[in-house]
Amino acid sequence: MPHEPFVVFDIIESNATRPIYTEIRERCERYGFTTSGLVWEGAAIGVDEAHRLLGNGFHGCKNAPEGLVYRYERDGMFYMSAKFVSNLNVGGDFMNDENVYNEWENWE
């Protein structure tokens, strides 16, 4: 990746409220954090169309993006979010098959 592996796609404040996407981007730019890319803004679109627009993603990954995060905002307020994870995503893809248990336990 051309930047650190941490990519912000949401901020949850202490009172469990969430700012709208434009405010998230503004806050992250102010402090130098990388944010998720915006695929579509407007009326809802299906997963297939969103994947087509996403293409290879925004962050230089060598594999296809693992999925999409949908945010529903209206009139300057956040209402809900959902994440679609592609069937192509394989958990533990970068762990050694012979010693996967120990590597998983020591991941952190």
C-alpha atoms as a PDB file:
ATOM      1  CA  MET A   1       0.000   0.000   0.000  1.00  0.00           C
ATOM      2  CA  PRO A   2       1.271   3.500  -0.690  1.00  0.00           C
ATOM      3  CA  HIS A   3       0.320   4.540   2.867  1.00  0.00           C
ATOM      4  CA  GLU A   4      -0.104   2.984   6.310  1.00  0.00           C
ATOM      5  CA  PRO A   5      -2.502   0.003   6.400  1.00  0.00           C
ATOM      6  CA  PHE A   6      -5.049   1.829   8.583  1.00  0.00           C
ATOM      7  CA  VAL A   7      -7.937   3.323   6.553  1.00  0.00           C
ATOM      8  CA  VAL A   8     -10.727   5.229   8.323  1.00  0.00           C
ATOM      9  CA  PHE A   9     -14.266   4.568   7.084  1.00  0.00           C
ATOM     10  CA  ASP A  10     -16.229   5.749  10.124  1.00  0.00           C
ATOM     11  CA  ILE A  11     -15.928   7.640  13.402  1.00  0.00           C
ATOM     12  CA  ILE A  12     -18.100   6.717  16.382  1.00  0.00           C
ATOM     13  CA  GLU A  13     -18.153   9.420  19.024  1.00  0.00           C
ATOM     14  CA  SER A  14     -18.446   8.792  22.769  1.00  0.00           C
ATOM     15  CA  ASN A  15     -22.205   9.333  22.763  1.00  0.00           C
ATOM     16  CA  ALA A  16     -22.503   6.739  19.921  1.00  0.00           C
ATOM     17  CA  THR A  17     -23.367   9.370  17.314  1.00  0.00           C
ATOM     18  CA  ARG A  18     -21.610   9.392  13.967  1.00  0.00           C
ATOM     19  CA  PRO A  19     -20.629  12.370  11.844  1.00  0.00           C
ATOM     20  CA  ILE A  20     -21.523  12.508   8.164  1.00  0.00           C
ATOM     21  CA  TYR A  21     -18.961  11.351   5.603  1.00  0.00           C
ATOM     22  CA  THR A  22     -17.771  14.854   4.614  1.00  0.00           C
ATOM     23  CA  GLU A  23     -17.019  15.642   8.264  1.00  0.00           C
ATOM     24  CA  ILE A  24     -15.116  12.348   8.657  1.00  0.00           C
ATOM     25  CA  ARG A  25     -12.951  13.258   5.650  1.00  0.00           C
ATOM     26  CA  GLU A  26     -12.312  16.771   6.995  1.00  0.00           C
ATOM     27  CA  ARG A  27     -11.273  15.473  10.431  1.00  0.00           C
ATOM     28  CA  CYS A  28      -8.999  12.812   8.942  1.00  0.00           C
ATOM     29  CA  GLU A  29      -7.319  15.268   6.561  1.00  0.00           C
ATOM     30  CA  ARG A  30      -6.675  17.614   9.505  1.00  0.00           C
ATOM     31  CA  TYR A  31      -4.757  14.887  11.381  1.00  0.00           C
ATOM     32  CA  GLY A  32      -3.187  13.038   8.445  1.00  0.00           C
ATOM     33  CA  PHE A  33      -5.296   9.855   8.449  1.00  0.00           C
ATOM     34  CA  THR A  34      -6.147   8.036   5.220  1.00  0.00           C
ATOM     35  CA  THR A  35      -9.863   7.687   4.508  1.00  0.00           C
ATOM     36  CA  SER A  36     -11.852   5.248   2.446  1.00  0.00           C
ATOM     37  CA  GLY A  37     -12.671   6.221  -1.113  1.00  0.00           C
ATOM     38  CA  LEU A  38     -16.123   7.361  -2.143  1.00  0.00           C
ATOM     39  CA  VAL A  39     -17.579   5.079  -4.824  1.00  0.00           C
ATOM     40  CA  TRP A  40     -21.021   6.637  -5.207  1.00  0.00           C
ATOM     41  CA  GLU A  41     -23.102   9.462  -3.809  1.00  0.00           C
ATOM     42  CA  GLY A  42     -26.815   9.736  -4.435  1.00  0.00           C
ATOM     43  CA  ALA A  43     -29.667   7.252  -4.696  1.00  0.00           C
ATOM     44  CA  ALA A  44     -28.941   3.674  -3.604  1.00  0.00           C
ATOM     45  CA  ILE A  45     -27.164   1.339  -6.033  1.00  0.00           C
ATOM     46  CA  GLY A  46     -26.747  -2.429  -5.948  1.00  0.00           C
ATOM     47  CA  VAL A  47     -23.655  -4.336  -4.884  1.00  0.00           C
ATOM     48  CA  ASP A  48     -22.750  -5.377  -8.454  1.00  0.00           C
ATOM     49  CA  GLU A  49     -22.811  -1.786  -9.703  1.00  0.00           C
ATOM     50  CA  ALA A  50     -20.871  -0.561  -6.653  1.00  0.00           C
ATOM     51  CA  HIS A  51     -18.200  -3.258  -7.227  1.00  0.00           C
ATOM     52  CA  ARG A  52     -17.944  -2.236 -10.880  1.00  0.00           C
ATOM     53  CA  LEU A  53     -17.414   1.405  -9.880  1.00  0.00           C
ATOM     54  CA  LEU A  54     -14.921   0.405  -7.171  1.00  0.00           C
ATOM     55  CA  GLY A  55     -12.753  -1.506  -9.637  1.00  0.00           C
ATOM     56  CA  ASN A  56      -9.374  -2.218  -8.012  1.00  0.00           C
ATOM     57  CA  GLY A  57     -10.062   0.060  -5.081  1.00  0.00           C
ATOM     58  CA  PHE A  58      -8.369   3.223  -3.886  1.00  0.00           C
ATOM     59  CA  HIS A  59      -5.372   2.087  -1.854  1.00  0.00           C
ATOM     60  CA  GLY A  60      -3.044   0.142  -4.123  1.00  0.00           C
ATOM     61  CA  CYS A  61      -3.895  -3.381  -2.954  1.00  0.00           C
ATOM     62  CA  LYS A  62      -2.651  -6.211  -5.145  1.00  0.00           C
ATOM     63  CA  ASN A  63      -5.851  -8.257  -4.725  1.00  0.00           C
ATOM     64  CA  ALA A  64      -9.460  -7.304  -5.375  1.00  0.00           C
ATOM     65  CA  PRO A  65     -11.068  -5.199  -2.630  1.00  0.00           C
ATOM     66  CA  GLU A  66     -12.690  -7.334   0.052  1.00  0.00           C
ATOM     67  CA  GLY A  67     -15.990  -5.494  -0.017  1.00  0.00           C
ATOM     68  CA  LEU A  68     -17.916  -2.253   0.357  1.00  0.00           C
ATOM     69  CA  VAL A  69     -19.234  -0.125   3.191  1.00  0.00           C
ATOM     70  CA  TYR A  70     -22.586   1.521   2.610  1.00  0.00           C
ATOM     71  CA  ARG A  71     -23.576   4.650   4.584  1.00  0.00           C
ATOM     72  CA  TYR A  72     -27.084   6.051   4.612  1.00  0.00           C
ATOM     73  CA  GLU A  73     -27.156   9.783   5.304  1.00  0.00           C
ATOM     74  CA  ARG A  74     -29.926  12.283   4.684  1.00  0.00           C
ATOM     75  CA  ASP A  75     -30.391  15.981   5.463  1.00  0.00           C
ATOM     76  CA  GLY A  76     -26.963  16.207   7.097  1.00  0.00           C
ATOM     77  CA  MET A  77     -27.500  13.277   9.455  1.00  0.00           C
ATOM     78  CA  PHE A  78     -26.102   9.746   9.614  1.00  0.00           C
ATOM     79  CA  TYR A  79     -28.761   7.026   9.780  1.00  0.00           C
ATOM     80  CA  MET A  80     -27.065   3.649   9.302  1.00  0.00           C
ATOM     81  CA  SER A  81     -24.214   1.724   7.696  1.00  0.00           C
ATOM     82  CA  ALA A  82     -23.713  -1.785   6.363  1.00  0.00           C
ATOM     83  CA  LYS A  83     -20.727  -3.720   5.049  1.00  0.00           C
ATOM     84  CA  PHE A  84     -20.761  -6.158   2.154  1.00  0.00           C
ATOM     85  CA  VAL A  85     -17.863  -8.644   2.195  1.00  0.00           C
ATOM     86  CA  SER A  86     -17.077 -10.426  -1.060  1.00  0.00           C
ATOM     87  CA  ASN A  87     -16.989 -14.209  -1.182  1.00  0.00           C
ATOM     88  CA  LEU A  88     -13.473 -13.844  -2.584  1.00  0.00           C
ATOM     89  CA  ASN A  89     -12.190 -12.735   0.820  1.00  0.00           C
ATOM     90  CA  VAL A  90     -10.329 -15.554   2.584  1.00  0.00           C
ATOM     91  CA  GLY A  91      -9.614 -15.052   6.278  1.00  0.00           C
ATOM     92  CA  GLY A  92      -6.051 -15.772   7.407  1.00  0.00           C
ATOM     93  CA  ASP A  93      -4.785 -15.577   3.826  1.00  0.00           C
ATOM     94  CA  PHE A  94      -1.334 -14.358   4.892  1.00  0.00           C
ATOM     95  CA  MET A  95      -0.664 -16.853   7.685  1.00  0.00           C
ATOM     96  CA  ASN A  96       1.612 -19.860   7.442  1.00  0.00           C
ATOM     97  CA  ASP A  97      -0.542 -22.993   6.930  1.00  0.00           C
ATOM     98  CA  GLU A  98       1.769 -25.161   9.049  1.00  0.00           C
ATOM     99  CA  ASN A  99       1.610 -22.987  12.141  1.00  0.00           C
ATOM    100  CA  VAL A 100      -1.603 -20.998  11.705  1.00  0.00           C
ATOM    101  CA  TYR A 101      -2.812 -21.447  15.306  1.00  0.00           C
ATOM    102  CA  ASN A 102       0.343 -19.986  16.875  1.00  0.00           C
ATOM    103  CA  GLU A 103       0.510 -17.165  14.357  1.00  0.00           C
ATOM    104  CA  TRP A 104      -3.142 -16.276  14.999  1.00  0.00           C
ATOM    105  CA  GLU A 105      -2.626 -16.289  18.770  1.00  0.00           C
ATOM    106  CA  ASN A 106       0.393 -14.004  18.395  1.00  0.00           C
ATOM    107  CA  TRP A 107      -1.140 -11.701  15.782  1.00  0.00           C
ATOM    108  CA  GLU A 108      -1.524  -8.781  18.187  1.00  0.00           C
END
